[in-house]
């Protein structure tokens, strides 16, 4: 039986993946419903997220800011994007702003991967985060269909709060067991 000190580091990357899957699902569904349901919307979310992640992993992770700052920035950018969509639905003049907000949301996964590479093996980190991400995509889609848009707000906030309260595993503990 695993102790709490062992369980939290074991599930932390999966919980982050779950959050990231919920955020991407939320961005896609809300942009598709209130802006455009074209391939352009999918590309906007995907490419902006990847750009933000690349900036996070290569540049921002080296800054001294706590990872919690990037988690808060991701949620604020997500909320700003959704509020703008609700304030002016189908306003295609704001594509660039939506893209920039998604880039900011993507900072967190980049910083997460860069910093957690000191804690986990690449294999364990990617396996756990990716599995959580897939569950987040599926769960976000199902919950959205069953419960509506409120889930796209509540689930990411609740999960981000849990991650913040758990605290990220520290490199000096080096949780590197193979999956």
N, C-alpha and C. Protein backbone atom coordinates (compact mmCIF):
# COMPACT_ATOMS: atom_id res chain seq x y z
N UNK A 1 0.84 -1.18 0.00
CA UNK A 1 0.00 0.00 0.00
C UNK A 1 0.89 1.25 0.00
N UNK A 2 0.55 2.20 -0.85
CA UNK A 2 1.35 3.42 -0.95
C UNK A 2 0.93 4.42 0.12
N UNK A 3 1.91 5.16 0.65
CA UNK A 3 1.61 6.22 1.60
C UNK A 3 1.22 7.48 0.82
N UNK A 4 0.70 8.47 1.55
CA UNK A 4 0.29 9.71 0.90
C UNK A 4 1.47 10.38 0.21
N UNK A 5 2.66 10.30 0.83
CA UNK A 5 3.85 10.90 0.22
C UNK A 5 4.19 10.23 -1.11
N UNK A 6 3.78 8.99 -1.30
CA UNK A 6 4.04 8.29 -2.55
C UNK A 6 2.91 8.48 -3.56
N UNK A 7 1.68 8.59 -3.09
CA UNK A 7 0.53 8.69 -3.98
C UNK A 7 0.50 10.03 -4.70
N UNK A 8 0.71 11.12 -3.99
CA UNK A 8 0.63 12.44 -4.62
C UNK A 8 1.64 12.56 -5.76
N UNK A 9 2.92 12.25 -5.57
CA UNK A 9 3.84 12.33 -6.72
C UNK A 9 3.47 11.36 -7.85
N UNK A 10 2.88 10.24 -7.50
CA UNK A 10 2.50 9.26 -8.52
C UNK A 10 1.38 9.79 -9.40
N UNK A 11 0.37 10.45 -8.81
CA UNK A 11 -0.80 10.88 -9.59
C UNK A 11 -0.70 12.33 -10.08
N UNK A 12 0.26 13.11 -9.58
CA UNK A 12 0.34 14.52 -9.93
C UNK A 12 0.38 14.77 -11.45
N UNK A 13 1.25 14.10 -12.20
CA UNK A 13 1.26 14.35 -13.66
C UNK A 13 -0.07 13.99 -14.33
N UNK A 14 -0.75 12.96 -13.82
CA UNK A 14 -2.05 12.59 -14.39
C UNK A 14 -3.09 13.66 -14.11
N UNK A 15 -3.05 14.24 -12.92
CA UNK A 15 -3.99 15.32 -12.60
C UNK A 15 -3.72 16.56 -13.45
N UNK A 16 -2.45 16.86 -13.69
CA UNK A 16 -2.13 17.99 -14.58
C UNK A 16 -2.63 17.69 -15.98
N UNK A 17 -2.41 16.48 -16.47
CA UNK A 17 -2.92 16.09 -17.79
C UNK A 17 -4.43 16.20 -17.86
N UNK A 18 -5.11 15.78 -16.81
CA UNK A 18 -6.57 15.91 -16.75
C UNK A 18 -6.98 17.37 -16.87
N UNK A 19 -6.31 18.25 -16.13
CA UNK A 19 -6.60 19.68 -16.21
C UNK A 19 -6.37 20.21 -17.63
N UNK A 20 -5.26 19.84 -18.22
CA UNK A 20 -4.94 20.33 -19.57
C UNK A 20 -5.96 19.84 -20.59
N UNK A 21 -6.40 18.59 -20.45
CA UNK A 21 -7.43 18.07 -21.34
C UNK A 21 -8.74 18.82 -21.17
N UNK A 22 -9.10 19.14 -19.93
CA UNK A 22 -10.33 19.91 -19.68
C UNK A 22 -10.22 21.32 -20.25
N UNK A 23 -9.07 21.94 -20.09
CA UNK A 23 -8.89 23.29 -20.64
C UNK A 23 -8.97 23.30 -22.16
N UNK A 24 -8.30 22.35 -22.81
CA UNK A 24 -8.37 22.32 -24.27
C UNK A 24 -9.77 22.00 -24.76
N UNK A 25 -10.45 21.08 -24.10
CA UNK A 25 -11.82 20.77 -24.47
C UNK A 25 -12.71 22.00 -24.30
N UNK A 26 -12.54 22.67 -23.18
CA UNK A 26 -13.33 23.88 -22.92
C UNK A 26 -13.08 24.95 -23.95
N UNK A 27 -11.82 25.19 -24.28
CA UNK A 27 -11.51 26.20 -25.30
C UNK A 27 -12.13 25.83 -26.64
N UNK A 28 -11.96 24.58 -27.04
CA UNK A 28 -12.48 24.18 -28.33
C UNK A 28 -14.01 24.30 -28.39
N UNK A 29 -14.70 23.73 -27.40
CA UNK A 29 -16.17 23.76 -27.44
C UNK A 29 -16.71 25.19 -27.38
N UNK A 30 -16.10 26.02 -26.55
CA UNK A 30 -16.63 27.37 -26.43
C UNK A 30 -16.32 28.22 -27.66
N UNK A 31 -15.14 28.03 -28.24
CA UNK A 31 -14.84 28.75 -29.48
C UNK A 31 -15.69 28.23 -30.62
N UNK A 32 -15.89 26.93 -30.69
CA UNK A 32 -16.70 26.35 -31.77
C UNK A 32 -18.16 26.79 -31.65
N UNK A 33 -18.65 26.93 -30.43
CA UNK A 33 -20.06 27.29 -30.23
C UNK A 33 -20.33 28.77 -30.40
N UNK A 34 -19.35 29.62 -30.09
CA UNK A 34 -19.63 31.05 -30.10
C UNK A 34 -18.75 31.86 -31.06
N UNK A 35 -17.90 31.20 -31.81
CA UNK A 35 -17.09 31.91 -32.80
C UNK A 35 -17.23 31.26 -34.17
N UNK A 36 -16.72 30.04 -34.29
CA UNK A 36 -16.78 29.32 -35.56
C UNK A 36 -16.48 27.86 -35.31
N UNK A 37 -17.18 27.00 -35.99
CA UNK A 37 -16.92 25.57 -35.84
C UNK A 37 -16.13 25.03 -37.03
N UNK A 38 -15.22 25.84 -37.53
CA UNK A 38 -14.42 25.46 -38.69
C UNK A 38 -13.09 24.85 -38.25
N UNK A 39 -12.35 24.37 -39.23
CA UNK A 39 -11.01 23.84 -38.97
C UNK A 39 -10.10 24.94 -38.44
N UNK A 40 -10.40 26.18 -38.79
CA UNK A 40 -9.62 27.30 -38.29
C UNK A 40 -9.66 27.41 -36.77
N UNK A 41 -10.80 27.10 -36.18
CA UNK A 41 -10.93 27.14 -34.72
C UNK A 41 -10.07 26.06 -34.10
N UNK A 42 -10.12 24.86 -34.65
CA UNK A 42 -9.29 23.77 -34.15
C UNK A 42 -7.81 24.14 -34.25
N UNK A 43 -7.41 24.71 -35.40
CA UNK A 43 -6.02 25.12 -35.59
C UNK A 43 -5.63 26.24 -34.65
N UNK A 44 -6.54 27.18 -34.42
CA UNK A 44 -6.28 28.27 -33.49
C UNK A 44 -5.94 27.73 -32.11
N UNK A 45 -6.76 26.83 -31.61
CA UNK A 45 -6.53 26.25 -30.29
C UNK A 45 -5.23 25.45 -30.28
N UNK A 46 -5.05 24.58 -31.25
CA UNK A 46 -3.90 23.68 -31.26
C UNK A 46 -2.58 24.43 -31.44
N UNK A 47 -2.50 25.30 -32.43
CA UNK A 47 -1.23 25.99 -32.71
C UNK A 47 -0.90 27.02 -31.64
N UNK A 48 -1.90 27.73 -31.14
CA UNK A 48 -1.65 28.71 -30.08
C UNK A 48 -1.19 28.01 -28.81
N UNK A 49 -1.84 26.89 -28.48
CA UNK A 49 -1.46 26.11 -27.29
C UNK A 49 -0.01 25.62 -27.42
N UNK A 50 0.33 25.09 -28.60
CA UNK A 50 1.69 24.60 -28.81
C UNK A 50 2.72 25.71 -28.74
N UNK A 51 2.40 26.88 -29.27
CA UNK A 51 3.31 28.02 -29.18
C UNK A 51 3.52 28.41 -27.72
N UNK A 52 2.44 28.50 -26.96
CA UNK A 52 2.56 28.82 -25.54
C UNK A 52 3.38 27.78 -24.79
N UNK A 53 3.16 26.52 -25.10
CA UNK A 53 3.92 25.45 -24.45
C UNK A 53 5.41 25.54 -24.80
N UNK A 54 5.70 25.83 -26.06
CA UNK A 54 7.09 25.96 -26.48
C UNK A 54 7.77 27.12 -25.76
N UNK A 55 7.08 28.25 -25.62
CA UNK A 55 7.63 29.37 -24.87
C UNK A 55 7.81 29.01 -23.40
N UNK A 56 6.86 28.26 -22.87
CA UNK A 56 6.94 27.84 -21.47
C UNK A 56 8.13 26.94 -21.21
N UNK A 57 8.33 25.96 -22.07
CA UNK A 57 9.40 24.98 -21.84
C UNK A 57 10.78 25.56 -22.12
N UNK A 58 10.90 26.46 -23.09
CA UNK A 58 12.22 26.96 -23.48
C UNK A 58 12.64 28.23 -22.76
N UNK A 59 11.68 29.05 -22.36
CA UNK A 59 12.04 30.36 -21.83
C UNK A 59 11.48 30.60 -20.43
N UNK A 60 10.19 30.40 -20.25
CA UNK A 60 9.55 30.76 -18.98
C UNK A 60 9.91 29.83 -17.82
N UNK A 61 10.17 28.57 -18.10
CA UNK A 61 10.50 27.62 -17.02
C UNK A 61 11.80 28.00 -16.32
N UNK A 62 12.65 28.76 -16.98
CA UNK A 62 13.92 29.17 -16.39
C UNK A 62 13.78 30.36 -15.46
N UNK A 63 12.62 30.99 -15.47
CA UNK A 63 12.36 32.12 -14.58
C UNK A 63 12.11 31.62 -13.17
N UNK A 64 12.26 32.47 -12.21
CA UNK A 64 12.10 32.08 -10.81
C UNK A 64 10.65 32.08 -10.34
N UNK A 65 9.73 32.40 -11.19
CA UNK A 65 8.32 32.46 -10.80
C UNK A 65 7.83 31.06 -10.45
N UNK A 66 7.07 30.94 -9.38
CA UNK A 66 6.52 29.63 -9.02
C UNK A 66 5.59 29.10 -10.12
N UNK A 67 5.51 27.80 -10.23
CA UNK A 67 4.64 27.19 -11.23
C UNK A 67 3.18 27.59 -11.00
N UNK A 68 2.82 27.84 -9.74
CA UNK A 68 1.46 28.27 -9.42
C UNK A 68 1.08 29.57 -10.12
N UNK A 69 2.06 30.43 -10.37
CA UNK A 69 1.80 31.67 -11.11
C UNK A 69 1.33 31.34 -12.53
N UNK A 70 1.98 30.37 -13.15
CA UNK A 70 1.59 29.98 -14.52
C UNK A 70 0.24 29.27 -14.53
N UNK A 71 -0.04 28.53 -13.48
CA UNK A 71 -1.36 27.89 -13.36
C UNK A 71 -2.44 28.96 -13.26
N UNK A 72 -2.21 29.98 -12.43
CA UNK A 72 -3.17 31.08 -12.30
C UNK A 72 -3.31 31.85 -13.61
N UNK A 73 -2.19 32.11 -14.29
CA UNK A 73 -2.24 32.79 -15.59
C UNK A 73 -3.05 31.99 -16.61
N UNK A 74 -2.87 30.67 -16.60
CA UNK A 74 -3.63 29.82 -17.53
C UNK A 74 -5.11 29.95 -17.27
N UNK A 75 -5.52 29.91 -16.01
CA UNK A 75 -6.94 30.03 -15.68
C UNK A 75 -7.49 31.41 -16.00
N UNK A 76 -6.70 32.45 -15.73
CA UNK A 76 -7.15 33.81 -16.04
C UNK A 76 -7.29 34.02 -17.54
N UNK A 77 -6.34 33.53 -18.32
CA UNK A 77 -6.42 33.66 -19.78
C UNK A 77 -7.60 32.87 -20.33
N UNK A 78 -7.82 31.68 -19.78
CA UNK A 78 -8.96 30.84 -20.16
C UNK A 78 -10.26 31.59 -19.87
N UNK A 79 -10.37 32.15 -18.67
CA UNK A 79 -11.58 32.88 -18.28
C UNK A 79 -11.78 34.12 -19.16
N UNK A 80 -10.70 34.84 -19.44
CA UNK A 80 -10.81 36.02 -20.29
C UNK A 80 -11.30 35.66 -21.69
N UNK A 81 -10.79 34.56 -22.22
CA UNK A 81 -11.21 34.10 -23.54
C UNK A 81 -12.71 33.78 -23.53
N UNK A 82 -13.15 33.06 -22.53
CA UNK A 82 -14.56 32.67 -22.44
C UNK A 82 -15.45 33.89 -22.22
N UNK A 83 -15.02 34.83 -21.38
CA UNK A 83 -15.81 36.04 -21.14
C UNK A 83 -15.94 36.87 -22.41
N UNK A 84 -14.84 36.97 -23.17
CA UNK A 84 -14.90 37.70 -24.44
C UNK A 84 -15.85 37.02 -25.42
N UNK A 85 -15.81 35.70 -25.46
CA UNK A 85 -16.71 34.96 -26.35
C UNK A 85 -18.18 35.20 -25.97
N UNK A 86 -18.45 35.25 -24.69
CA UNK A 86 -19.82 35.48 -24.23
C UNK A 86 -20.25 36.92 -24.45
N UNK A 87 -19.32 37.86 -24.34
CA UNK A 87 -19.64 39.28 -24.51
C UNK A 87 -19.90 39.63 -25.98
N UNK A 88 -19.20 38.99 -26.87
CA UNK A 88 -19.33 39.31 -28.29
C UNK A 88 -19.24 38.03 -29.12
N UNK A 89 -20.30 37.22 -29.09
CA UNK A 89 -20.25 35.98 -29.87
C UNK A 89 -20.14 36.26 -31.37
N UNK A 90 -19.42 35.39 -32.04
CA UNK A 90 -19.24 35.43 -33.49
C UNK A 90 -18.51 36.68 -33.97
N UNK A 91 -17.75 37.31 -33.09
CA UNK A 91 -16.95 38.47 -33.45
C UNK A 91 -15.57 37.99 -33.91
N UNK A 92 -15.44 37.83 -35.20
CA UNK A 92 -14.21 37.28 -35.76
C UNK A 92 -13.05 38.28 -35.77
N UNK A 93 -13.32 39.53 -35.43
CA UNK A 93 -12.23 40.51 -35.36
C UNK A 93 -11.30 40.23 -34.19
N UNK A 94 -11.71 39.40 -33.24
CA UNK A 94 -10.92 39.13 -32.04
C UNK A 94 -10.11 37.83 -32.11
N UNK A 95 -9.98 37.25 -33.30
CA UNK A 95 -9.23 36.00 -33.44
C UNK A 95 -7.83 36.11 -32.85
N UNK A 96 -7.14 37.22 -33.13
CA UNK A 96 -5.77 37.40 -32.64
C UNK A 96 -5.75 37.42 -31.11
N UNK A 97 -6.71 38.11 -30.51
CA UNK A 97 -6.76 38.17 -29.05
C UNK A 97 -7.03 36.79 -28.47
N UNK A 98 -7.96 36.05 -29.08
CA UNK A 98 -8.21 34.67 -28.62
C UNK A 98 -6.94 33.84 -28.72
N UNK A 99 -6.24 33.98 -29.82
CA UNK A 99 -5.00 33.23 -30.00
C UNK A 99 -3.97 33.58 -28.95
N UNK A 100 -3.82 34.87 -28.64
CA UNK A 100 -2.86 35.29 -27.61
C UNK A 100 -3.24 34.76 -26.23
N UNK A 101 -4.54 34.76 -25.93
CA UNK A 101 -4.99 34.22 -24.65
C UNK A 101 -4.73 32.71 -24.56
N UNK A 102 -4.88 32.02 -25.66
CA UNK A 102 -4.60 30.57 -25.67
C UNK A 102 -3.10 30.34 -25.54
N UNK A 103 -2.28 31.20 -26.14
CA UNK A 103 -0.83 31.11 -25.96
C UNK A 103 -0.49 31.21 -24.48
N UNK A 104 -1.09 32.18 -23.79
CA UNK A 104 -0.84 32.35 -22.35
C UNK A 104 -1.30 31.11 -21.58
N UNK A 105 -2.42 30.53 -21.98
CA UNK A 105 -2.89 29.30 -21.33
C UNK A 105 -1.88 28.18 -21.55
N UNK A 106 -1.24 28.16 -22.68
CA UNK A 106 -0.26 27.12 -22.99
C UNK A 106 1.07 27.26 -22.26
N UNK A 107 1.32 28.42 -21.62
CA UNK A 107 2.56 28.57 -20.85
C UNK A 107 2.66 27.50 -19.77
N UNK A 108 1.55 27.25 -19.08
CA UNK A 108 1.58 26.33 -17.94
C UNK A 108 2.06 24.92 -18.31
N UNK A 109 1.51 24.29 -19.37
CA UNK A 109 2.02 22.95 -19.68
C UNK A 109 3.50 22.94 -20.03
N UNK A 110 3.98 23.98 -20.70
CA UNK A 110 5.40 24.03 -21.02
C UNK A 110 6.27 24.12 -19.78
N UNK A 111 5.89 25.01 -18.86
CA UNK A 111 6.63 25.15 -17.61
C UNK A 111 6.54 23.85 -16.80
N UNK A 112 5.36 23.25 -16.77
CA UNK A 112 5.18 21.99 -16.05
C UNK A 112 6.16 20.93 -16.56
N UNK A 113 6.20 20.72 -17.87
CA UNK A 113 7.08 19.68 -18.42
C UNK A 113 8.55 19.99 -18.15
N UNK A 114 8.95 21.23 -18.31
CA UNK A 114 10.35 21.57 -18.09
C UNK A 114 10.76 21.34 -16.64
N UNK A 115 9.92 21.75 -15.73
CA UNK A 115 10.27 21.63 -14.31
C UNK A 115 10.13 20.21 -13.78
N UNK A 116 9.17 19.47 -14.27
CA UNK A 116 8.95 18.11 -13.77
C UNK A 116 9.93 17.10 -14.37
N UNK A 117 10.65 17.52 -15.41
CA UNK A 117 11.66 16.61 -15.97
C UNK A 117 12.80 16.37 -14.97
N UNK A 118 12.92 17.24 -13.99
CA UNK A 118 13.92 17.04 -12.94
C UNK A 118 13.41 16.08 -11.85
N UNK A 119 12.11 15.79 -11.89
CA UNK A 119 11.49 14.96 -10.85
C UNK A 119 11.18 13.56 -11.36
N UNK A 120 10.73 13.46 -12.60
CA UNK A 120 10.28 12.19 -13.18
C UNK A 120 11.14 11.83 -14.39
N UNK A 121 11.20 10.56 -14.68
CA UNK A 121 11.80 10.15 -15.95
C UNK A 121 10.88 10.63 -17.07
N UNK A 122 11.44 10.86 -18.24
CA UNK A 122 10.62 11.31 -19.38
C UNK A 122 9.50 10.32 -19.66
N UNK A 123 9.81 9.06 -19.57
CA UNK A 123 8.82 8.01 -19.85
C UNK A 123 7.64 8.09 -18.88
N UNK A 124 7.92 8.18 -17.59
CA UNK A 124 6.86 8.24 -16.58
C UNK A 124 6.07 9.54 -16.71
N UNK A 125 6.77 10.65 -16.90
CA UNK A 125 6.10 11.95 -17.00
C UNK A 125 5.14 11.99 -18.18
N UNK A 126 5.61 11.61 -19.36
CA UNK A 126 4.76 11.67 -20.55
C UNK A 126 3.63 10.64 -20.49
N UNK A 127 3.90 9.47 -19.97
CA UNK A 127 2.86 8.45 -19.87
C UNK A 127 1.73 8.92 -18.96
N UNK A 128 2.08 9.38 -17.79
CA UNK A 128 1.05 9.79 -16.83
C UNK A 128 0.31 11.04 -17.28
N UNK A 129 1.04 12.04 -17.76
CA UNK A 129 0.38 13.27 -18.21
C UNK A 129 -0.50 13.00 -19.41
N UNK A 130 0.00 12.23 -20.36
CA UNK A 130 -0.77 11.94 -21.57
C UNK A 130 -2.04 11.16 -21.26
N UNK A 131 -1.94 10.17 -20.38
CA UNK A 131 -3.15 9.42 -20.00
C UNK A 131 -4.16 10.32 -19.32
N UNK A 132 -3.69 11.21 -18.44
CA UNK A 132 -4.59 12.18 -17.81
C UNK A 132 -5.21 13.11 -18.83
N UNK A 133 -4.40 13.53 -19.83
CA UNK A 133 -4.90 14.43 -20.87
C UNK A 133 -6.02 13.76 -21.67
N UNK A 134 -5.83 12.53 -22.03
CA UNK A 134 -6.85 11.81 -22.80
C UNK A 134 -8.13 11.68 -21.97
N UNK A 135 -7.98 11.33 -20.70
CA UNK A 135 -9.15 11.26 -19.82
C UNK A 135 -9.83 12.63 -19.73
N UNK A 136 -9.04 13.70 -19.66
CA UNK A 136 -9.59 15.05 -19.61
C UNK A 136 -10.37 15.42 -20.86
N UNK A 137 -9.85 15.03 -22.02
CA UNK A 137 -10.58 15.29 -23.27
C UNK A 137 -11.91 14.55 -23.30
N UNK A 138 -11.88 13.29 -22.93
CA UNK A 138 -13.11 12.47 -22.95
C UNK A 138 -14.07 12.94 -21.88
N UNK A 139 -13.57 13.12 -20.65
CA UNK A 139 -14.43 13.53 -19.55
C UNK A 139 -15.03 14.90 -19.80
N UNK A 140 -14.20 15.83 -20.28
CA UNK A 140 -14.70 17.17 -20.59
C UNK A 140 -15.80 17.13 -21.63
N UNK A 141 -15.63 16.32 -22.66
CA UNK A 141 -16.65 16.20 -23.71
C UNK A 141 -17.94 15.60 -23.15
N UNK A 142 -17.81 14.53 -22.39
CA UNK A 142 -19.00 13.88 -21.83
C UNK A 142 -19.72 14.78 -20.84
N UNK A 143 -18.98 15.40 -19.95
CA UNK A 143 -19.61 16.28 -18.97
C UNK A 143 -20.27 17.48 -19.63
N UNK A 144 -19.65 18.01 -20.68
CA UNK A 144 -20.24 19.12 -21.42
C UNK A 144 -21.57 18.70 -22.05
N UNK A 145 -21.59 17.51 -22.63
CA UNK A 145 -22.83 17.03 -23.25
C UNK A 145 -23.91 16.77 -22.21
N UNK A 146 -23.53 16.28 -21.04
CA UNK A 146 -24.51 15.93 -20.02
C UNK A 146 -24.93 17.10 -19.13
N UNK A 147 -24.00 17.98 -18.82
CA UNK A 147 -24.28 19.03 -17.84
C UNK A 147 -24.21 20.45 -18.38
N UNK A 148 -23.67 20.62 -19.58
CA UNK A 148 -23.63 21.94 -20.19
C UNK A 148 -22.36 22.72 -19.91
N UNK A 149 -22.39 24.00 -20.26
CA UNK A 149 -21.21 24.86 -20.23
C UNK A 149 -20.65 25.10 -18.83
N UNK A 150 -21.47 24.99 -17.82
CA UNK A 150 -20.99 25.25 -16.46
C UNK A 150 -19.81 24.33 -16.11
N UNK A 151 -19.82 23.13 -16.65
CA UNK A 151 -18.72 22.19 -16.40
C UNK A 151 -17.41 22.73 -16.97
N UNK A 152 -17.49 23.44 -18.09
CA UNK A 152 -16.29 23.98 -18.71
C UNK A 152 -15.67 25.09 -17.87
N UNK A 153 -16.44 25.63 -16.94
CA UNK A 153 -15.93 26.60 -15.97
C UNK A 153 -15.50 25.92 -14.68
N UNK A 154 -16.40 25.12 -14.14
CA UNK A 154 -16.21 24.57 -12.79
C UNK A 154 -15.10 23.52 -12.71
N UNK A 155 -15.05 22.61 -13.66
CA UNK A 155 -14.09 21.51 -13.58
C UNK A 155 -12.63 22.00 -13.60
N UNK A 156 -12.24 22.89 -14.53
CA UNK A 156 -10.84 23.35 -14.51
C UNK A 156 -10.49 24.12 -13.22
N UNK A 157 -11.41 24.92 -12.73
CA UNK A 157 -11.13 25.69 -11.51
C UNK A 157 -10.95 24.74 -10.32
N UNK A 158 -11.84 23.76 -10.20
CA UNK A 158 -11.75 22.81 -9.09
C UNK A 158 -10.45 21.99 -9.16
N UNK A 159 -10.11 21.54 -10.34
CA UNK A 159 -8.89 20.74 -10.50
C UNK A 159 -7.64 21.57 -10.28
N UNK A 160 -7.64 22.81 -10.76
CA UNK A 160 -6.49 23.69 -10.53
C UNK A 160 -6.32 23.97 -9.03
N UNK A 161 -7.42 24.16 -8.34
CA UNK A 161 -7.35 24.37 -6.89
C UNK A 161 -6.75 23.15 -6.19
N UNK A 162 -7.17 21.96 -6.61
CA UNK A 162 -6.62 20.73 -6.04
C UNK A 162 -5.11 20.64 -6.31
N UNK A 163 -4.70 20.91 -7.52
CA UNK A 163 -3.26 20.86 -7.86
C UNK A 163 -2.47 21.86 -7.03
N UNK A 164 -3.02 23.04 -6.87
CA UNK A 164 -2.33 24.06 -6.08
C UNK A 164 -2.20 23.61 -4.62
N UNK A 165 -3.27 23.05 -4.08
CA UNK A 165 -3.25 22.59 -2.69
C UNK A 165 -2.30 21.41 -2.49
N UNK A 166 -2.24 20.51 -3.46
CA UNK A 166 -1.33 19.37 -3.36
C UNK A 166 0.12 19.82 -3.41
N UNK A 167 0.39 20.84 -4.18
CA UNK A 167 1.76 21.30 -4.37
C UNK A 167 2.50 20.37 -5.31
N UNK A 168 3.36 20.95 -6.11
CA UNK A 168 4.07 20.11 -7.08
C UNK A 168 5.21 19.37 -6.40
N UNK A 169 5.48 18.17 -6.86
CA UNK A 169 6.62 17.41 -6.31
C UNK A 169 7.92 18.19 -6.53
N UNK A 170 8.80 18.10 -5.58
CA UNK A 170 10.06 18.84 -5.63
C UNK A 170 11.17 17.97 -6.22
N UNK A 171 12.08 18.60 -6.97
CA UNK A 171 13.17 17.83 -7.60
C UNK A 171 14.04 17.07 -6.61
N UNK A 172 14.20 17.60 -5.39
CA UNK A 172 15.08 16.91 -4.45
C UNK A 172 14.52 15.57 -4.00
N UNK A 173 13.22 15.32 -4.24
CA UNK A 173 12.63 14.03 -3.88
C UNK A 173 12.79 12.99 -4.99
N UNK A 174 13.02 13.43 -6.21
CA UNK A 174 13.28 12.59 -7.39
C UNK A 174 12.42 11.34 -7.44
N UNK A 175 11.18 11.52 -7.85
CA UNK A 175 10.24 10.41 -8.01
C UNK A 175 10.40 9.84 -9.39
N UNK A 176 11.26 8.88 -9.54
CA UNK A 176 11.55 8.35 -10.87
C UNK A 176 11.26 6.87 -11.03
N UNK A 177 10.28 6.33 -10.34
CA UNK A 177 10.00 4.92 -10.60
C UNK A 177 9.41 4.76 -11.99
N UNK A 178 9.69 3.65 -12.61
CA UNK A 178 9.13 3.38 -13.94
C UNK A 178 7.66 3.04 -13.78
N UNK A 179 6.84 3.38 -14.80
CA UNK A 179 5.39 3.13 -14.71
C UNK A 179 5.04 1.66 -14.66
